[in-house]
Amino acid sequence: MDEFKKLVDRNEALKKTVVTGNLKRKVDEFIEKSDKDLLKAKSDYEEMLVKQNKFLESMLPKISFYYLENSWTKISRQYLCSCCNNWCINSNPYNGVCRSGKGYVNLYNDGRIKYVKKEVNNSIKILANNTYTRKQNSANNELFYYEITFQLEDLQENVELFFGMFSDINDAYFTSVNKEFVFEQKNGENSTCYYVTLNELNIFKYTIVGCGILFPATTGTSATENLEFPKMFFTGDGVIIGKAIEFSNLNKKFIPFLRLKNCSITSTNFGKTQFVYDILKHISSLPYINEEWSGIR
């Protein structure tokens, strides 16, 4: 790149040097022809890339998006995952309040979640009603995906936003708390968390974030090696964030979840309308490898 810049700089300097008489006319003619050649080369290169991309896309395994009607309906009963230790809102997540006077959420059937902020506010975990289930015999790569639009109810430093999915074996999610992807390995009542930190990422710069799970085909020609395991991915305003998170094939069911503190959800799209992210053009990205998961918690 440095050598290329040197060439460009010298080119500009030479143009400014030759400014008079026949030399200038000859130089102008040569440069005009060269510029036309460059434009044609650029056009030819773009055309070649389009053809190449179409061919490569035709070689990709076919992906089928599966729409599953869904909604946020439950508050987790895990420790420190509700409004308080009394789980006041769990029995009535739509209209309940925290009897201890702490912050709480109200769920709405249209996918909204209102975080009602108080003087003391906990991070509250919300679960979807229906499960994304992998088919036993499928010739297609199956993709499930959801998007949320969020709204901060306080300064960024006082807000917590987690979004992802969980299974009986693993949880995977992005958290704004430490700007991390977290992979949680469950073992009975205990669990071990591995994480990848994205120091430069501010999740709050996005308006809409999403999370998807891609189950590989189990039969037929689409059952290729590069899609051997389920992969979870995350998006911000229609663009992939980071890399994929890979799971073992023992993971066959995933439930979407959120965890919110001083943050409301103004809309949720489980696929009833068009997503911001173009799921039909989704490419299974390379996953984080073991060496990239830095640390155990």
C-alpha atoms as a PDB file:
ATOM      1  CA  MET A   1       0.000   0.000   0.000  1.00  0.00           C
ATOM      2  CA  ASP A   2       2.910   2.406   0.783  1.00  0.00           C
ATOM      3  CA  GLU A   3       4.474   1.744  -2.624  1.00  0.00           C
ATOM      4  CA  PHE A   4       1.125   2.377  -4.318  1.00  0.00           C
ATOM      5  CA  LYS A   5       0.759   5.702  -2.488  1.00  0.00           C
ATOM      6  CA  LYS A   6       4.263   6.695  -3.551  1.00  0.00           C
ATOM      7  CA  LEU A   7       3.331   6.008  -7.178  1.00  0.00           C
ATOM      8  CA  VAL A   8       0.171   8.114  -6.877  1.00  0.00           C
ATOM      9  CA  ASP A   9       2.047  10.988  -5.219  1.00  0.00           C
ATOM     10  CA  ARG A  10       4.772  10.936  -7.887  1.00  0.00           C
ATOM     11  CA  ASN A  11       2.114  10.833 -10.599  1.00  0.00           C
ATOM     12  CA  GLU A  12       0.479  13.978  -9.205  1.00  0.00           C
ATOM     13  CA  ALA A  13       3.833  15.714  -8.864  1.00  0.00           C
ATOM     14  CA  LEU A  14       4.786  14.914 -12.466  1.00  0.00           C
ATOM     15  CA  LYS A  15       1.429  16.199 -13.739  1.00  0.00           C
ATOM     16  CA  LYS A  16       2.030  19.536 -12.023  1.00  0.00           C
ATOM     17  CA  THR A  17       5.585  19.778 -13.396  1.00  0.00           C
ATOM     18  CA  VAL A  18       4.674  19.435 -17.092  1.00  0.00           C
ATOM     19  CA  VAL A  19       2.408  22.444 -17.622  1.00  0.00           C
ATOM     20  CA  THR A  20       3.378  24.202 -20.880  1.00  0.00           C
ATOM     21  CA  GLY A  21       3.318  23.862 -24.653  1.00  0.00           C
ATOM     22  CA  ASN A  22       3.167  20.689 -26.701  1.00  0.00           C
ATOM     23  CA  LEU A  23       4.437  18.618 -23.811  1.00  0.00           C
ATOM     24  CA  LYS A  24       1.340  19.475 -21.765  1.00  0.00           C
ATOM     25  CA  ARG A  25      -0.984  18.596 -24.670  1.00  0.00           C
ATOM     26  CA  LYS A  26       0.732  15.245 -25.171  1.00  0.00           C
ATOM     27  CA  VAL A  27       0.652  14.529 -21.457  1.00  0.00           C
ATOM     28  CA  ASP A  28      -3.065  15.408 -21.256  1.00  0.00           C
ATOM     29  CA  GLU A  29      -3.846  13.081 -24.181  1.00  0.00           C
ATOM     30  CA  PHE A  30      -1.868  10.258 -22.627  1.00  0.00           C
ATOM     31  CA  ILE A  31      -3.470  10.733 -19.199  1.00  0.00           C
ATOM     32  CA  GLU A  32      -6.964  10.899 -20.705  1.00  0.00           C
ATOM     33  CA  LYS A  33      -6.390   7.611 -22.532  1.00  0.00           C
ATOM     34  CA  SER A  34      -4.861   6.049 -19.408  1.00  0.00           C
ATOM     35  CA  ASP A  35      -7.835   7.122 -17.294  1.00  0.00           C
ATOM     36  CA  LYS A  36     -10.222   5.534 -19.790  1.00  0.00           C
ATOM     37  CA  ASP A  37      -8.170   2.331 -19.685  1.00  0.00           C
ATOM     38  CA  LEU A  38      -8.298   2.390 -15.872  1.00  0.00           C
ATOM     39  CA  LEU A  39     -12.080   2.842 -15.872  1.00  0.00           C
ATOM     40  CA  LYS A  40     -12.481  -0.048 -18.302  1.00  0.00           C
ATOM     41  CA  ALA A  41     -10.163  -2.226 -16.205  1.00  0.00           C
ATOM     42  CA  LYS A  42     -12.179  -1.335 -13.088  1.00  0.00           C
ATOM     43  CA  SER A  43     -15.431  -2.164 -14.885  1.00  0.00           C
ATOM     44  CA  ASP A  44     -14.008  -5.472 -16.153  1.00  0.00           C
ATOM     45  CA  TYR A  45     -12.779  -6.308 -12.646  1.00  0.00           C
ATOM     46  CA  GLU A  46     -16.192  -5.555 -11.114  1.00  0.00           C
ATOM     47  CA  GLU A  47     -17.898  -7.675 -13.773  1.00  0.00           C
ATOM     48  CA  MET A  48     -15.496 -10.534 -13.052  1.00  0.00           C
ATOM     49  CA  LEU A  49     -16.204 -10.256  -9.304  1.00  0.00           C
ATOM     50  CA  VAL A  50     -19.964 -10.372  -9.901  1.00  0.00           C
ATOM     51  CA  LYS A  51     -19.610 -13.539 -11.992  1.00  0.00           C
ATOM     52  CA  GLN A  52     -17.236 -15.063  -9.455  1.00  0.00           C
ATOM     53  CA  ASN A  53     -19.578 -14.294  -6.554  1.00  0.00           C
ATOM     54  CA  LYS A  54     -22.556 -15.783  -8.374  1.00  0.00           C
ATOM     55  CA  PHE A  55     -20.594 -18.964  -9.020  1.00  0.00           C
ATOM     56  CA  LEU A  56     -19.379 -19.190  -5.418  1.00  0.00           C
ATOM     57  CA  GLU A  57     -22.904 -18.545  -4.108  1.00  0.00           C
ATOM     58  CA  SER A  58     -24.206 -21.357  -6.307  1.00  0.00           C
ATOM     59  CA  MET A  59     -21.750 -23.709  -4.579  1.00  0.00           C
ATOM     60  CA  LEU A  60     -22.981 -22.821  -1.085  1.00  0.00           C
ATOM     61  CA  PRO A  61     -25.331 -25.247   0.651  1.00  0.00           C
ATOM     62  CA  LYS A  62     -28.914 -24.039   0.437  1.00  0.00           C
ATOM     63  CA  ILE A  63     -30.241 -22.341   3.569  1.00  0.00           C
ATOM     64  CA  SER A  64     -33.890 -22.397   4.552  1.00  0.00           C
ATOM     65  CA  PHE A  65     -35.212 -19.854   7.043  1.00  0.00           C
ATOM     66  CA  TYR A  66     -37.848 -21.316   9.345  1.00  0.00           C
ATOM     67  CA  TYR A  67     -40.390 -18.913  10.766  1.00  0.00           C
ATOM     68  CA  LEU A  68     -41.611 -19.897  14.194  1.00  0.00           C
ATOM     69  CA  GLU A  69     -44.297 -17.726  15.749  1.00  0.00           C
ATOM     70  CA  ASN A  70     -42.893 -16.599  19.052  1.00  0.00           C
ATOM     71  CA  SER A  71     -43.141 -14.054  21.857  1.00  0.00           C
ATOM     72  CA  TRP A  72     -41.518 -13.070  25.140  1.00  0.00           C
ATOM     73  CA  THR A  73     -43.614 -14.727  27.855  1.00  0.00           C
ATOM     74  CA  LYS A  74     -41.493 -15.751  30.840  1.00  0.00           C
ATOM     75  CA  ILE A  75     -39.183 -14.312  33.477  1.00  0.00           C
ATOM     76  CA  SER A  76     -36.335 -16.580  34.572  1.00  0.00           C
ATOM     77  CA  ARG A  77     -36.400 -18.010  38.089  1.00  0.00           C
ATOM     78  CA  GLN A  78     -32.620 -18.234  38.185  1.00  0.00           C
ATOM     79  CA  TYR A  79     -30.890 -16.526  41.085  1.00  0.00           C
ATOM     80  CA  LEU A  80     -30.551 -12.752  40.526  1.00  0.00           C
ATOM     81  CA  CYS A  81     -32.441 -12.911  37.225  1.00  0.00           C
ATOM     82  CA  SER A  82     -35.751 -11.355  38.295  1.00  0.00           C
ATOM     83  CA  CYS A  83     -36.762  -8.063  39.897  1.00  0.00           C
ATOM     84  CA  CYS A  84     -35.705  -9.295  43.347  1.00  0.00           C
ATOM     85  CA  ASN A  85     -35.227 -12.502  45.326  1.00  0.00           C
ATOM     86  CA  ASN A  86     -39.015 -12.796  45.755  1.00  0.00           C
ATOM     87  CA  TRP A  87     -39.591 -13.115  41.963  1.00  0.00           C
ATOM     88  CA  CYS A  88     -42.572 -10.762  42.300  1.00  0.00           C
ATOM     89  CA  ILE A  89     -43.199 -10.336  38.565  1.00  0.00           C
ATOM     90  CA  ASN A  90     -42.721 -13.972  37.525  1.00  0.00           C
ATOM     91  CA  SER A  91     -46.349 -14.954  38.125  1.00  0.00           C
ATOM     92  CA  ASN A  92     -47.624 -11.920  36.203  1.00  0.00           C
ATOM     93  CA  PRO A  93     -44.980 -10.706  33.734  1.00  0.00           C
ATOM     94  CA  TYR A  94     -47.507  -8.596  31.822  1.00  0.00           C
ATOM     95  CA  ASN A  95     -48.859  -6.378  34.607  1.00  0.00           C
ATOM     96  CA  GLY A  96     -46.848  -7.271  37.700  1.00  0.00           C
ATOM     97  CA  VAL A  97     -44.792  -4.892  39.823  1.00  0.00           C
ATOM     98  CA  CYS A  98     -41.914  -5.467  42.219  1.00  0.00           C
ATOM     99  CA  ARG A  99     -43.245  -5.429  45.762  1.00  0.00           C
ATOM    100  CA  SER A 100     -39.728  -4.674  46.999  1.00  0.00           C
ATOM    101  CA  GLY A 101     -39.756  -1.407  45.073  1.00  0.00           C
ATOM    102  CA  LYS A 102     -37.014  -2.374  42.622  1.00  0.00           C
ATOM    103  CA  GLY A 103     -37.012  -1.987  38.853  1.00  0.00           C
ATOM    104  CA  TYR A 104     -39.075  -4.491  36.870  1.00  0.00           C
ATOM    105  CA  VAL A 105     -40.250  -5.345  33.362  1.00  0.00           C
ATOM    106  CA  ASN A 106     -43.673  -5.707  31.758  1.00  0.00           C
ATOM    107  CA  LEU A 107     -44.039  -7.923  28.695  1.00  0.00           C
ATOM    108  CA  TYR A 108     -46.413  -7.227  25.804  1.00  0.00           C
ATOM    109  CA  ASN A 109     -47.896  -9.670  23.302  1.00  0.00           C
ATOM    110  CA  ASP A 110     -46.603  -7.605  20.374  1.00  0.00           C
ATOM    111  CA  GLY A 111     -42.950  -8.206  21.347  1.00  0.00           C
ATOM    112  CA  ARG A 112     -42.356  -5.052  23.366  1.00  0.00           C
ATOM    113  CA  ILE A 113     -40.747  -5.141  26.804  1.00  0.00           C
ATOM    114  CA  LYS A 114     -40.944  -2.109  29.070  1.00  0.00           C
ATOM    115  CA  TYR A 115     -38.283  -1.744  31.745  1.00  0.00           C
ATOM    116  CA  VAL A 116     -39.713   0.311  34.606  1.00  0.00           C
ATOM    117  CA  LYS A 117     -36.717   1.963  36.249  1.00  0.00           C
ATOM    118  CA  LYS A 118     -36.572   2.564  40.001  1.00  0.00           C
ATOM    119  CA  GLU A 119     -33.870   3.665  42.433  1.00  0.00           C
ATOM    120  CA  VAL A 120     -32.465   0.105  42.552  1.00  0.00           C
ATOM    121  CA  ASN A 121     -32.549  -1.934  39.332  1.00  0.00           C
ATOM    122  CA  ASN A 122     -31.557  -5.516  38.639  1.00  0.00           C
ATOM    123  CA  SER A 123     -30.714  -7.271  35.394  1.00  0.00           C
ATOM    124  CA  ILE A 124     -33.822  -9.295  34.447  1.00  0.00           C
ATOM    125  CA  LYS A 125     -33.742 -12.377  32.206  1.00  0.00           C
ATOM    126  CA  ILE A 126     -36.651 -12.842  29.773  1.00  0.00           C
ATOM    127  CA  LEU A 127     -37.356 -16.061  27.861  1.00  0.00           C
ATOM    128  CA  ALA A 128     -39.213 -16.707  24.620  1.00  0.00           C
ATOM    129  CA  ASN A 129     -42.207 -19.019  24.592  1.00  0.00           C
ATOM    130  CA  ASN A 130     -41.226 -21.376  21.772  1.00  0.00           C
ATOM    131  CA  THR A 131     -38.091 -23.387  21.051  1.00  0.00           C
ATOM    132  CA  TYR A 132     -35.978 -23.530  17.892  1.00  0.00           C
ATOM    133  CA  THR A 133     -35.721 -27.271  17.273  1.00  0.00           C
ATOM    134  CA  ARG A 134     -33.417 -29.061  14.857  1.00  0.00           C
ATOM    135  CA  LYS A 135     -35.115 -31.596  12.607  1.00  0.00           C
ATOM    136  CA  GLN A 136     -33.856 -35.172  12.801  1.00  0.00           C
ATOM    137  CA  ASN A 137     -33.628 -35.711   9.044  1.00  0.00           C
ATOM    138  CA  SER A 138     -33.245 -32.569   6.992  1.00  0.00           C
ATOM    139  CA  ALA A 139     -31.649 -32.079   3.582  1.00  0.00           C
ATOM    140  CA  ASN A 140     -31.563 -28.308   4.126  1.00  0.00           C
ATOM    141  CA  ASN A 141     -29.501 -26.101   6.380  1.00  0.00           C
ATOM    142  CA  GLU A 142     -32.074 -24.652   8.773  1.00  0.00           C
ATOM    143  CA  LEU A 143     -31.803 -21.078  10.002  1.00  0.00           C
ATOM    144  CA  PHE A 144     -33.723 -19.520  12.903  1.00  0.00           C
ATOM    145  CA  TYR A 145     -33.279 -15.841  13.682  1.00  0.00           C
ATOM    146  CA  TYR A 146     -34.746 -12.916  15.604  1.00  0.00           C
ATOM    147  CA  GLU A 147     -34.138  -9.166  15.855  1.00  0.00           C
ATOM    148  CA  ILE A 148     -34.892  -6.632  18.579  1.00  0.00           C
ATOM    149  CA  THR A 149     -35.033  -2.844  18.641  1.00  0.00           C
ATOM    150  CA  PHE A 150     -33.938  -1.489  22.014  1.00  0.00           C
ATOM    151  CA  GLN A 151     -34.221   1.781  23.886  1.00  0.00           C
ATOM    152  CA  LEU A 152     -32.000   2.930  26.739  1.00  0.00           C
ATOM    153  CA  GLU A 153     -33.767   4.047  29.909  1.00  0.00           C
ATOM    154  CA  ASP A 154     -30.614   5.473  31.518  1.00  0.00           C
ATOM    155  CA  LEU A 155     -27.025   6.416  30.718  1.00  0.00           C
ATOM    156  CA  GLN A 156     -25.056   3.731  28.864  1.00  0.00           C
ATOM    157  CA  GLU A 157     -22.905   2.943  31.893  1.00  0.00           C
ATOM    158  CA  ASN A 158     -26.051   2.019  33.844  1.00  0.00           C
ATOM    159  CA  VAL A 159     -27.542  -0.180  31.117  1.00  0.00           C
ATOM    160  CA  GLU A 160     -27.143  -3.925  30.613  1.00  0.00           C
ATOM    161  CA  LEU A 161     -28.209  -5.692  27.426  1.00  0.00           C
ATOM    162  CA  PHE A 162     -27.740  -9.422  26.876  1.00  0.00           C
ATOM    163  CA  PHE A 163     -29.163 -11.207  23.825  1.00  0.00           C
ATOM    164  CA  GLY A 164     -28.680 -14.772  22.628  1.00  0.00           C
ATOM    165  CA  MET A 165     -30.043 -18.298  23.021  1.00  0.00           C
ATOM    166  CA  PHE A 166     -29.671 -21.205  25.403  1.00  0.00           C
ATOM    167  CA  SER A 167     -30.036 -24.976  25.364  1.00  0.00           C
ATOM    168  CA  ASP A 168     -29.918 -27.672  28.026  1.00  0.00           C
ATOM    169  CA  ILE A 169     -26.172 -27.954  27.440  1.00  0.00           C
ATOM    170  CA  ASN A 170     -24.934 -24.484  26.496  1.00  0.00           C
ATOM    171  CA  ASP A 171     -25.792 -20.799  26.617  1.00  0.00           C
ATOM    172  CA  ALA A 172     -24.361 -18.308  24.135  1.00  0.00           C
ATOM    173  CA  TYR A 173     -24.954 -14.589  24.120  1.00  0.00           C
ATOM    174  CA  PHE A 174     -23.508 -11.131  23.701  1.00  0.00           C
ATOM    175  CA  THR A 175     -23.370  -8.892  26.765  1.00  0.00           C
ATOM    176  CA  SER A 176     -22.846  -5.149  26.842  1.00  0.00           C
ATOM    177  CA  VAL A 177     -21.401  -5.375  30.361  1.00  0.00           C
ATOM    178  CA  ASN A 178     -17.886  -6.348  29.252  1.00  0.00           C
ATOM    179  CA  LYS A 179     -18.428  -6.143  25.473  1.00  0.00           C
ATOM    180  CA  GLU A 180     -18.192  -9.914  25.281  1.00  0.00           C
ATOM    181  CA  PHE A 181     -19.452 -12.993  23.558  1.00  0.00           C
ATOM    182  CA  VAL A 182     -20.024 -15.581  26.263  1.00  0.00           C
ATOM    183  CA  PHE A 183     -20.181 -19.355  25.828  1.00  0.00           C
ATOM    184  CA  GLU A 184     -21.490 -21.152  28.888  1.00  0.00           C
ATOM    185  CA  GLN A 185     -20.862 -24.865  29.358  1.00  0.00           C
ATOM    186  CA  LYS A 186     -23.415 -26.399  31.726  1.00  0.00           C
ATOM    187  CA  ASN A 187     -22.709 -29.310  34.026  1.00  0.00           C
ATOM    188  CA  GLY A 188     -25.687 -29.993  36.254  1.00  0.00           C
ATOM    189  CA  GLU A 189     -26.045 -27.145  38.740  1.00  0.00           C
ATOM    190  CA  ASN A 190     -22.628 -25.779  37.806  1.00  0.00           C
ATOM    191  CA  SER A 191     -21.438 -24.002  34.690  1.00  0.00           C
ATOM    192  CA  THR A 192     -18.209 -22.670  33.215  1.00  0.00           C
ATOM    193  CA  CYS A 193     -18.130 -19.520  31.090  1.00  0.00           C
ATOM    194  CA  TYR A 194     -15.675 -18.789  28.297  1.00  0.00           C
ATOM    195  CA  TYR A 195     -15.573 -15.392  26.651  1.00  0.00           C
ATOM    196  CA  VAL A 196     -14.266 -13.350  23.725  1.00  0.00           C
ATOM    197  CA  THR A 197     -13.973  -9.609  24.347  1.00  0.00           C
ATOM    198  CA  LEU A 198     -14.585  -7.043  21.585  1.00  0.00           C
ATOM    199  CA  ASN A 199     -12.981  -3.988  23.184  1.00  0.00           C
ATOM    200  CA  GLU A 200     -13.741  -1.617  20.320  1.00  0.00           C
ATOM    201  CA  LEU A 201     -17.420  -2.538  20.017  1.00  0.00           C
ATOM    202  CA  ASN A 202     -20.128  -0.299  21.453  1.00  0.00           C
ATOM    203  CA  ILE A 203     -23.332  -2.304  21.040  1.00  0.00           C
ATOM    204  CA  PHE A 204     -25.369   0.805  21.830  1.00  0.00           C
ATOM    205  CA  LYS A 205     -24.365   2.416  18.529  1.00  0.00           C
ATOM    206  CA  TYR A 206     -26.793   0.036  16.831  1.00  0.00           C
ATOM    207  CA  THR A 207     -30.546   0.470  16.662  1.00  0.00           C
ATOM    208  CA  ILE A 208     -31.430  -3.147  15.900  1.00  0.00           C
ATOM    209  CA  VAL A 209     -29.514  -6.247  16.979  1.00  0.00           C
ATOM    210  CA  GLY A 210     -30.173  -9.872  16.125  1.00  0.00           C
ATOM    211  CA  CYS A 211     -29.222 -13.444  16.919  1.00  0.00           C
ATOM    212  CA  GLY A 212     -29.541 -16.553  14.765  1.00  0.00           C
ATOM    213  CA  ILE A 213     -28.776 -20.260  14.877  1.00  0.00           C
ATOM    214  CA  LEU A 214     -27.881 -22.264  11.769  1.00  0.00           C
ATOM    215  CA  PHE A 215     -28.452 -26.006  11.982  1.00  0.00           C
ATOM    216  CA  PRO A 216     -26.549 -27.972   9.303  1.00  0.00           C
ATOM    217  CA  ALA A 217     -28.268 -30.437   7.018  1.00  0.00           C
ATOM    218  CA  THR A 218     -28.188 -33.991   8.308  1.00  0.00           C
ATOM    219  CA  THR A 219     -28.974 -35.788   5.052  1.00  0.00           C
ATOM    220  CA  GLY A 220     -28.451 -35.295   1.320  1.00  0.00           C
ATOM    221  CA  THR A 221     -25.861 -33.357  -0.644  1.00  0.00           C
ATOM    222  CA  SER A 222     -26.071 -30.300   1.637  1.00  0.00           C
ATOM    223  CA  ALA A 223     -24.636 -32.229   4.582  1.00  0.00           C
ATOM    224  CA  THR A 224     -21.157 -30.799   3.978  1.00  0.00           C
ATOM    225  CA  GLU A 225     -18.144 -30.732   6.258  1.00  0.00           C
ATOM    226  CA  ASN A 226     -18.015 -26.943   6.575  1.00  0.00           C
ATOM    227  CA  LEU A 227     -21.480 -26.945   8.161  1.00  0.00           C
ATOM    228  CA  GLU A 228     -20.945 -29.932  10.383  1.00  0.00           C
ATOM    229  CA  PHE A 229     -21.995 -28.245  13.630  1.00  0.00           C
ATOM    230  CA  PRO A 230     -24.683 -25.732  14.615  1.00  0.00           C
ATOM    231  CA  LYS A 231     -23.407 -22.159  14.532  1.00  0.00           C
ATOM    232  CA  MET A 232     -24.825 -19.110  16.284  1.00  0.00           C
ATOM    233  CA  PHE A 233     -24.265 -15.626  14.905  1.00  0.00           C
ATOM    234  CA  PHE A 234     -25.044 -12.050  15.935  1.00  0.00           C
ATOM    235  CA  THR A 235     -25.874  -8.906  13.974  1.00  0.00           C
ATOM    236  CA  GLY A 236     -26.062  -5.145  14.446  1.00  0.00           C
ATOM    237  CA  ASP A 237     -28.140  -3.051  12.039  1.00  0.00           C
ATOM    238  CA  GLY A 238     -28.013  -5.829   9.453  1.00  0.00           C
ATOM    239  CA  VAL A 239     -24.265  -6.554   9.642  1.00  0.00           C
ATOM    240  CA  ILE A 240     -22.566  -9.574  11.233  1.00  0.00           C
ATOM    241  CA  ILE A 241     -20.841  -8.814  14.551  1.00  0.00           C
ATOM    242  CA  GLY A 242     -17.687 -10.798  15.308  1.00  0.00           C
ATOM    243  CA  LYS A 243     -17.482 -14.476  14.382  1.00  0.00           C
ATOM    244  CA  ALA A 244     -19.845 -17.407  14.782  1.00  0.00           C
ATOM    245  CA  ILE A 245     -20.076 -19.545  17.921  1.00  0.00           C
ATOM    246  CA  GLU A 246     -19.984 -23.269  17.204  1.00  0.00           C
ATOM    247  CA  PHE A 247     -21.854 -25.933  19.185  1.00  0.00           C
ATOM    248  CA  SER A 248     -21.686 -29.707  19.358  1.00  0.00           C
ATOM    249  CA  ASN A 249     -24.390 -31.674  17.585  1.00  0.00           C
ATOM    250  CA  LEU A 250     -25.785 -32.606  20.996  1.00  0.00           C
ATOM    251  CA  ASN A 251     -27.451 -29.183  20.982  1.00  0.00           C
ATOM    252  CA  LYS A 252     -30.765 -29.761  19.217  1.00  0.00           C
ATOM    253  CA  LYS A 253     -33.023 -27.157  20.849  1.00  0.00           C
ATOM    254  CA  PHE A 254     -32.438 -23.472  21.555  1.00  0.00           C
ATOM    255  CA  ILE A 255     -34.604 -20.859  23.256  1.00  0.00           C
ATOM    256  CA  PRO A 256     -34.103 -17.127  22.575  1.00  0.00           C
ATOM    257  CA  PHE A 257     -33.510 -14.987  25.651  1.00  0.00           C
ATOM    258  CA  LEU A 258     -32.737 -11.431  26.701  1.00  0.00           C
ATOM    259  CA  ARG A 259     -31.408  -9.927  29.876  1.00  0.00           C
ATOM    260  CA  LEU A 260     -32.172  -6.275  30.513  1.00  0.00           C
ATOM    261  CA  LYS A 261     -31.299  -3.589  32.998  1.00  0.00           C
ATOM    262  CA  ASN A 262     -32.504  -0.023  32.382  1.00  0.00           C
ATOM    263  CA  CYS A 263     -33.250  -1.037  28.806  1.00  0.00           C
ATOM    264  CA  SER A 264     -36.592  -1.517  27.033  1.00  0.00           C
ATOM    265  CA  ILE A 265     -37.411  -3.412  23.845  1.00  0.00           C
ATOM    266  CA  THR A 266     -39.573  -1.331  21.515  1.00  0.00           C
ATOM    267  CA  SER A 267     -40.102  -4.122  18.974  1.00  0.00           C
ATOM    268  CA  THR A 268     -39.225  -7.768  18.336  1.00  0.00           C
ATOM    269  CA  ASN A 269     -39.243  -9.530  14.983  1.00  0.00           C
ATOM    270  CA  PHE A 270     -39.186 -13.328  15.020  1.00  0.00           C
ATOM    271  CA  GLY A 271     -39.680 -13.411  11.248  1.00  0.00           C
ATOM    272  CA  LYS A 272     -43.233 -12.240  10.724  1.00  0.00           C
ATOM    273  CA  THR A 273     -41.922  -9.263   8.739  1.00  0.00           C
ATOM    274  CA  GLN A 274     -38.735  -8.693   6.766  1.00  0.00           C
ATOM    275  CA  PHE A 275     -35.550  -8.527   8.822  1.00  0.00           C
ATOM    276  CA  VAL A 276     -32.957  -5.766   8.595  1.00  0.00           C
ATOM    277  CA  TYR A 277     -30.344  -8.517   8.136  1.00  0.00           C
ATOM    278  CA  ASP A 278     -30.656 -10.279   4.760  1.00  0.00           C
ATOM    279  CA  ILE A 279     -30.980 -13.854   5.988  1.00  0.00           C
ATOM    280  CA  LEU A 280     -31.334 -15.198   2.435  1.00  0.00           C
ATOM    281  CA  LYS A 281     -27.732 -14.141   1.776  1.00  0.00           C
ATOM    282  CA  HIS A 282     -26.373 -15.476   5.063  1.00  0.00           C
ATOM    283  CA  ILE A 283     -22.973 -17.122   4.752  1.00  0.00           C
ATOM    284  CA  SER A 284     -21.867 -19.439   7.534  1.00  0.00           C
ATOM    285  CA  SER A 285     -18.866 -17.568   8.907  1.00  0.00           C
ATOM    286  CA  LEU A 286     -15.836 -19.138  10.518  1.00  0.00           C
ATOM    287  CA  PRO A 287     -16.337 -19.727  14.245  1.00  0.00           C
ATOM    288  CA  TYR A 288     -14.152 -18.618  17.103  1.00  0.00           C
ATOM    289  CA  ILE A 289     -11.517 -21.285  17.714  1.00  0.00           C
ATOM    290  CA  ASN A 290     -10.554 -22.620  21.144  1.00  0.00           C
ATOM    291  CA  GLU A 291      -7.513 -20.346  21.420  1.00  0.00           C
ATOM    292  CA  GLU A 292      -9.705 -17.254  21.035  1.00  0.00           C
ATOM    293  CA  TRP A 293     -11.858 -18.059  24.069  1.00  0.00           C
ATOM    294  CA  SER A 294      -9.757 -16.227  26.642  1.00  0.00           C
ATOM    295  CA  GLY A 295     -10.369 -17.309  30.179  1.00  0.00           C
ATOM    296  CA  ILE A 296     -12.748 -19.208  32.380  1.00  0.00           C
ATOM    297  CA  ARG A 297     -15.243 -17.733  34.834  1.00  0.00           C
END
